[in-house]
Amino acid sequence: MSDEQKVVEKLIEYGSLDNEDQKVLGIARLAADQGYDKLSSLQQKVLKPFLSKGCDGVENPGGHHNDCSVVLEGLPLAEALDQQSYYGALLCRDCVDETEQYAREWAKIQAE
């Protein structure tokens, strides 16, 4: 299974394509069922804009946003889509680590 197919499956699973044109959803379902590589170049072109997304970044406890500029594609995007409901945002690995660090620091402060 290609990375693109994994991303398309996650996009469908989490409803990320529900508000798109039915053509997009139909092509995405075809990619999920038969493989992204089986799509025509025109069909792949329709899905291409959905196969990369910018990281939402995180805000530290002081309210400063890190302005992350990572573009998620392939497996990192599939992972971010899986974790989006937990973290409340589409995050790259570094931003997940930063979020977890803030949570550990806050837990430590509360324990003191």
N, C-alpha and C. Protein backbone atom coordinates (compact mmCIF):
# COMPACT_ATOMS: atom_id res chain seq x y z
N MET A 1 0.85 -1.18 0.00
CA MET A 1 0.00 0.00 0.00
C MET A 1 0.89 1.24 0.00
N SER A 2 0.61 2.15 -0.90
CA SER A 2 1.41 3.37 -0.99
C SER A 2 1.07 4.34 0.13
N ASP A 3 1.99 5.26 0.39
CA ASP A 3 1.74 6.29 1.39
C ASP A 3 0.52 7.12 1.02
N GLU A 4 0.38 7.41 -0.27
CA GLU A 4 -0.77 8.20 -0.73
C GLU A 4 -2.08 7.48 -0.42
N GLN A 5 -2.10 6.17 -0.64
CA GLN A 5 -3.31 5.40 -0.36
C GLN A 5 -3.63 5.45 1.13
N LYS A 6 -2.63 5.36 1.98
CA LYS A 6 -2.85 5.43 3.43
C LYS A 6 -3.46 6.78 3.81
N VAL A 7 -2.92 7.85 3.22
CA VAL A 7 -3.45 9.18 3.50
C VAL A 7 -4.90 9.28 3.04
N VAL A 8 -5.18 8.82 1.83
CA VAL A 8 -6.55 8.87 1.31
C VAL A 8 -7.51 8.09 2.21
N GLU A 9 -7.08 6.93 2.68
CA GLU A 9 -7.93 6.15 3.58
C GLU A 9 -8.22 6.92 4.87
N LYS A 10 -7.22 7.59 5.41
CA LYS A 10 -7.42 8.39 6.63
C LYS A 10 -8.33 9.59 6.36
N LEU A 11 -8.17 10.22 5.21
CA LEU A 11 -9.03 11.35 4.85
C LEU A 11 -10.50 10.92 4.80
N ILE A 12 -10.73 9.73 4.24
CA ILE A 12 -12.09 9.21 4.16
C ILE A 12 -12.58 8.82 5.56
N GLU A 13 -11.75 8.10 6.30
CA GLU A 13 -12.12 7.62 7.64
C GLU A 13 -12.54 8.75 8.57
N TYR A 14 -11.83 9.87 8.52
CA TYR A 14 -12.10 10.97 9.44
C TYR A 14 -13.00 12.05 8.85
N GLY A 15 -13.57 11.78 7.66
CA GLY A 15 -14.54 12.70 7.09
C GLY A 15 -13.95 13.98 6.52
N SER A 16 -12.66 13.98 6.26
CA SER A 16 -12.01 15.20 5.76
C SER A 16 -12.43 15.57 4.35
N LEU A 17 -13.04 14.64 3.64
CA LEU A 17 -13.47 14.90 2.27
C LEU A 17 -14.99 15.02 2.15
N ASP A 18 -15.69 14.95 3.27
CA ASP A 18 -17.15 14.94 3.24
C ASP A 18 -17.77 16.19 2.63
N ASN A 19 -17.12 17.32 2.75
CA ASN A 19 -17.67 18.56 2.22
C ASN A 19 -17.12 18.92 0.85
N GLU A 20 -16.37 18.00 0.27
CA GLU A 20 -15.81 18.23 -1.05
C GLU A 20 -16.79 17.76 -2.12
N ASP A 21 -16.52 18.13 -3.35
CA ASP A 21 -17.31 17.68 -4.49
C ASP A 21 -17.38 16.16 -4.48
N GLN A 22 -18.50 15.60 -4.87
CA GLN A 22 -18.68 14.14 -4.88
C GLN A 22 -17.64 13.45 -5.77
N LYS A 23 -17.17 14.16 -6.79
CA LYS A 23 -16.14 13.61 -7.67
C LYS A 23 -14.88 13.31 -6.87
N VAL A 24 -14.51 14.20 -5.97
CA VAL A 24 -13.31 14.03 -5.15
C VAL A 24 -13.48 12.80 -4.25
N LEU A 25 -14.61 12.71 -3.59
CA LEU A 25 -14.85 11.58 -2.70
C LEU A 25 -14.89 10.26 -3.48
N GLY A 26 -15.49 10.28 -4.65
CA GLY A 26 -15.54 9.08 -5.48
C GLY A 26 -14.16 8.61 -5.90
N ILE A 27 -13.32 9.54 -6.31
CA ILE A 27 -11.95 9.21 -6.71
C ILE A 27 -11.17 8.72 -5.49
N ALA A 28 -11.39 9.35 -4.36
CA ALA A 28 -10.70 8.93 -3.13
C ALA A 28 -11.10 7.51 -2.76
N ARG A 29 -12.37 7.19 -2.86
CA ARG A 29 -12.82 5.82 -2.56
C ARG A 29 -12.20 4.82 -3.53
N LEU A 30 -12.11 5.19 -4.79
CA LEU A 30 -11.47 4.34 -5.79
C LEU A 30 -10.00 4.10 -5.42
N ALA A 31 -9.31 5.16 -5.01
CA ALA A 31 -7.91 5.04 -4.59
C ALA A 31 -7.77 4.14 -3.38
N ALA A 32 -8.68 4.26 -2.43
CA ALA A 32 -8.64 3.44 -1.22
C ALA A 32 -8.90 1.97 -1.55
N ASP A 33 -9.82 1.73 -2.47
CA ASP A 33 -10.19 0.36 -2.82
C ASP A 33 -9.19 -0.33 -3.74
N GLN A 34 -8.71 0.42 -4.75
CA GLN A 34 -7.89 -0.21 -5.78
C GLN A 34 -6.43 0.21 -5.74
N GLY A 35 -6.12 1.21 -4.96
CA GLY A 35 -4.75 1.70 -4.86
C GLY A 35 -4.58 3.02 -5.60
N TYR A 36 -3.84 3.92 -4.97
CA TYR A 36 -3.60 5.24 -5.55
C TYR A 36 -2.87 5.11 -6.89
N ASP A 37 -1.97 4.15 -6.97
CA ASP A 37 -1.18 3.97 -8.18
C ASP A 37 -2.01 3.51 -9.37
N LYS A 38 -3.20 2.99 -9.11
CA LYS A 38 -4.09 2.52 -10.19
C LYS A 38 -4.90 3.66 -10.80
N LEU A 39 -4.88 4.81 -10.16
CA LEU A 39 -5.62 5.96 -10.69
C LEU A 39 -4.93 6.52 -11.92
N SER A 40 -5.73 7.13 -12.78
CA SER A 40 -5.15 7.82 -13.93
C SER A 40 -4.44 9.08 -13.44
N SER A 41 -3.61 9.65 -14.28
CA SER A 41 -2.90 10.86 -13.88
C SER A 41 -3.87 12.00 -13.59
N LEU A 42 -4.97 12.06 -14.32
CA LEU A 42 -5.98 13.10 -14.06
C LEU A 42 -6.66 12.88 -12.71
N GLN A 43 -6.95 11.63 -12.37
CA GLN A 43 -7.55 11.34 -11.07
C GLN A 43 -6.58 11.66 -9.94
N GLN A 44 -5.31 11.32 -10.12
CA GLN A 44 -4.31 11.65 -9.12
C GLN A 44 -4.19 13.16 -8.95
N LYS A 45 -4.33 13.88 -10.05
CA LYS A 45 -4.25 15.35 -10.00
C LYS A 45 -5.40 15.94 -9.15
N VAL A 46 -6.56 15.31 -9.22
CA VAL A 46 -7.71 15.76 -8.42
C VAL A 46 -7.42 15.59 -6.93
N LEU A 47 -6.76 14.49 -6.56
CA LEU A 47 -6.48 14.21 -5.14
C LEU A 47 -5.24 14.91 -4.61
N LYS A 48 -4.34 15.31 -5.49
CA LYS A 48 -3.06 15.88 -5.08
C LYS A 48 -3.17 16.99 -4.03
N PRO A 49 -4.09 17.95 -4.16
CA PRO A 49 -4.18 19.01 -3.15
C PRO A 49 -4.50 18.51 -1.74
N PHE A 50 -5.06 17.32 -1.63
CA PHE A 50 -5.46 16.78 -0.33
C PHE A 50 -4.36 15.92 0.30
N LEU A 51 -3.28 15.68 -0.44
CA LEU A 51 -2.23 14.79 0.01
C LEU A 51 -1.10 15.50 0.74
N SER A 52 -1.24 16.78 0.95
CA SER A 52 -0.29 17.52 1.78
C SER A 52 -1.05 18.62 2.52
N LYS A 53 -0.68 18.79 3.76
CA LYS A 53 -1.32 19.80 4.60
C LYS A 53 -0.28 20.39 5.52
N GLY A 54 -0.42 21.65 5.83
CA GLY A 54 0.49 22.30 6.75
C GLY A 54 0.19 21.94 8.19
N CYS A 55 1.24 21.82 8.97
CA CYS A 55 1.09 21.60 10.40
C CYS A 55 0.42 22.83 11.01
N ASP A 56 -0.50 22.60 11.94
CA ASP A 56 -1.21 23.71 12.60
C ASP A 56 -0.33 24.42 13.62
N GLY A 57 0.74 23.77 14.06
CA GLY A 57 1.60 24.37 15.08
C GLY A 57 0.94 24.34 16.45
N VAL A 58 1.70 24.75 17.44
CA VAL A 58 1.20 24.73 18.82
C VAL A 58 1.46 26.07 19.50
N GLU A 59 0.70 26.29 20.55
CA GLU A 59 0.84 27.50 21.35
C GLU A 59 1.39 27.10 22.71
N ASN A 60 2.40 27.81 23.15
CA ASN A 60 2.95 27.49 24.47
C ASN A 60 2.02 28.04 25.55
N PRO A 61 2.24 27.67 26.81
CA PRO A 61 1.35 28.14 27.89
C PRO A 61 1.28 29.66 28.02
N GLY A 62 2.28 30.35 27.50
CA GLY A 62 2.27 31.82 27.55
C GLY A 62 1.49 32.46 26.41
N GLY A 63 0.96 31.61 25.51
CA GLY A 63 0.15 32.12 24.41
C GLY A 63 0.91 32.40 23.14
N HIS A 64 2.18 32.07 23.07
CA HIS A 64 2.97 32.29 21.86
C HIS A 64 2.86 31.09 20.94
N HIS A 65 2.45 31.34 19.70
CA HIS A 65 2.33 30.27 18.71
C HIS A 65 3.67 30.06 18.03
N ASN A 66 4.04 28.80 17.80
CA ASN A 66 5.38 28.52 17.24
C ASN A 66 5.47 28.72 15.73
N ASP A 67 4.37 29.03 15.06
CA ASP A 67 4.36 29.27 13.62
C ASP A 67 5.08 28.17 12.83
N CYS A 68 4.79 26.93 13.17
CA CYS A 68 5.40 25.78 12.49
C CYS A 68 5.10 25.87 10.99
N SER A 69 6.10 25.57 10.19
CA SER A 69 5.93 25.66 8.74
C SER A 69 6.10 24.30 8.05
N VAL A 70 6.03 23.22 8.82
CA VAL A 70 6.19 21.88 8.25
C VAL A 70 4.98 21.54 7.39
N VAL A 71 5.27 20.99 6.22
CA VAL A 71 4.21 20.49 5.34
C VAL A 71 4.18 18.98 5.51
N LEU A 72 3.03 18.48 5.94
CA LEU A 72 2.86 17.05 6.18
C LEU A 72 2.44 16.35 4.90
N GLU A 73 3.13 15.25 4.59
CA GLU A 73 2.81 14.44 3.42
C GLU A 73 3.08 12.97 3.77
N GLY A 74 2.50 12.07 3.03
CA GLY A 74 2.78 10.65 3.21
C GLY A 74 2.43 10.15 4.60
N LEU A 75 3.29 9.26 5.12
CA LEU A 75 3.02 8.66 6.43
C LEU A 75 2.91 9.68 7.56
N PRO A 76 3.75 10.73 7.60
CA PRO A 76 3.56 11.74 8.65
C PRO A 76 2.17 12.39 8.61
N LEU A 77 1.62 12.58 7.41
CA LEU A 77 0.27 13.14 7.30
C LEU A 77 -0.75 12.12 7.79
N ALA A 78 -0.59 10.86 7.42
CA ALA A 78 -1.52 9.82 7.88
C ALA A 78 -1.52 9.75 9.41
N GLU A 79 -0.33 9.81 10.02
CA GLU A 79 -0.22 9.80 11.48
C GLU A 79 -0.90 11.03 12.09
N ALA A 80 -0.66 12.19 11.50
CA ALA A 80 -1.24 13.42 12.01
C ALA A 80 -2.77 13.37 11.94
N LEU A 81 -3.30 12.80 10.86
CA LEU A 81 -4.75 12.65 10.74
C LEU A 81 -5.29 11.73 11.83
N ASP A 82 -4.55 10.66 12.12
CA ASP A 82 -4.95 9.74 13.20
C ASP A 82 -4.99 10.45 14.55
N GLN A 83 -4.05 11.35 14.78
CA GLN A 83 -3.91 12.00 16.09
C GLN A 83 -4.64 13.33 16.20
N GLN A 84 -5.23 13.78 15.12
CA GLN A 84 -5.85 15.10 15.09
C GLN A 84 -6.94 15.25 16.15
N SER A 85 -7.75 14.25 16.35
CA SER A 85 -8.83 14.39 17.34
C SER A 85 -8.28 14.42 18.76
N TYR A 86 -7.17 13.74 19.01
CA TYR A 86 -6.57 13.73 20.34
C TYR A 86 -5.94 15.08 20.67
N TYR A 87 -5.18 15.63 19.72
CA TYR A 87 -4.48 16.89 19.97
C TYR A 87 -5.29 18.12 19.59
N GLY A 88 -6.38 17.93 18.88
CA GLY A 88 -7.21 19.05 18.48
C GLY A 88 -6.63 19.87 17.34
N ALA A 89 -5.63 19.32 16.68
CA ALA A 89 -4.99 20.02 15.56
C ALA A 89 -4.20 19.01 14.75
N LEU A 90 -3.86 19.39 13.55
CA LEU A 90 -3.02 18.57 12.67
C LEU A 90 -1.58 18.94 12.96
N LEU A 91 -0.83 18.04 13.61
CA LEU A 91 0.50 18.37 14.11
C LEU A 91 1.58 17.46 13.54
N CYS A 92 2.74 18.06 13.27
CA CYS A 92 3.92 17.29 12.88
C CYS A 92 4.51 16.66 14.14
N ARG A 93 5.46 15.78 13.97
CA ARG A 93 6.07 15.07 15.11
C ARG A 93 6.69 16.05 16.11
N ASP A 94 7.40 17.08 15.63
CA ASP A 94 8.02 18.05 16.54
C ASP A 94 6.97 18.79 17.37
N CYS A 95 5.86 19.13 16.76
CA CYS A 95 4.81 19.84 17.50
C CYS A 95 4.10 18.92 18.49
N VAL A 96 3.97 17.65 18.15
CA VAL A 96 3.43 16.68 19.10
C VAL A 96 4.36 16.61 20.30
N ASP A 97 5.67 16.50 20.04
CA ASP A 97 6.64 16.44 21.13
C ASP A 97 6.58 17.69 22.00
N GLU A 98 6.44 18.85 21.35
CA GLU A 98 6.35 20.12 22.10
C GLU A 98 5.09 20.14 22.96
N THR A 99 3.98 19.69 22.41
CA THR A 99 2.72 19.63 23.16
C THR A 99 2.84 18.71 24.36
N GLU A 100 3.45 17.56 24.15
CA GLU A 100 3.64 16.60 25.24
C GLU A 100 4.56 17.17 26.32
N GLN A 101 5.58 17.91 25.90
CA GLN A 101 6.50 18.54 26.87
C GLN A 101 5.76 19.56 27.73
N TYR A 102 4.91 20.36 27.10
CA TYR A 102 4.12 21.33 27.88
C TYR A 102 3.22 20.60 28.87
N ALA A 103 2.63 19.49 28.45
CA ALA A 103 1.75 18.73 29.34
C ALA A 103 2.53 18.16 30.52
N ARG A 104 3.74 17.64 30.27
CA ARG A 104 4.57 17.11 31.36
C ARG A 104 4.97 18.21 32.33
N GLU A 105 5.34 19.37 31.80
CA GLU A 105 5.74 20.49 32.65
C GLU A 105 4.55 20.97 33.49
N TRP A 106 3.37 21.03 32.89
CA TRP A 106 2.18 21.47 33.62
C TRP A 106 1.84 20.48 34.71
N ALA A 107 1.93 19.18 34.41
CA ALA A 107 1.66 18.15 35.42
C ALA A 107 2.65 18.26 36.59
N LYS A 108 3.89 18.56 36.28
CA LYS A 108 4.90 18.72 37.31
C LYS A 108 4.60 19.94 38.20
N ILE A 109 4.19 21.03 37.58
CA ILE A 109 3.84 22.24 38.33
C ILE A 109 2.65 21.97 39.25
N GLN A 110 1.64 21.28 38.74
CA GLN A 110 0.45 20.97 39.54
C GLN A 110 0.78 20.05 40.71
N ALA A 111 1.76 19.17 40.52
CA ALA A 111 2.13 18.23 41.57
C ALA A 111 2.88 18.90 42.70
N GLU A 112 3.49 20.04 42.44
CA GLU A 112 4.29 20.73 43.47
C GLU A 112 3.45 21.50 44.44
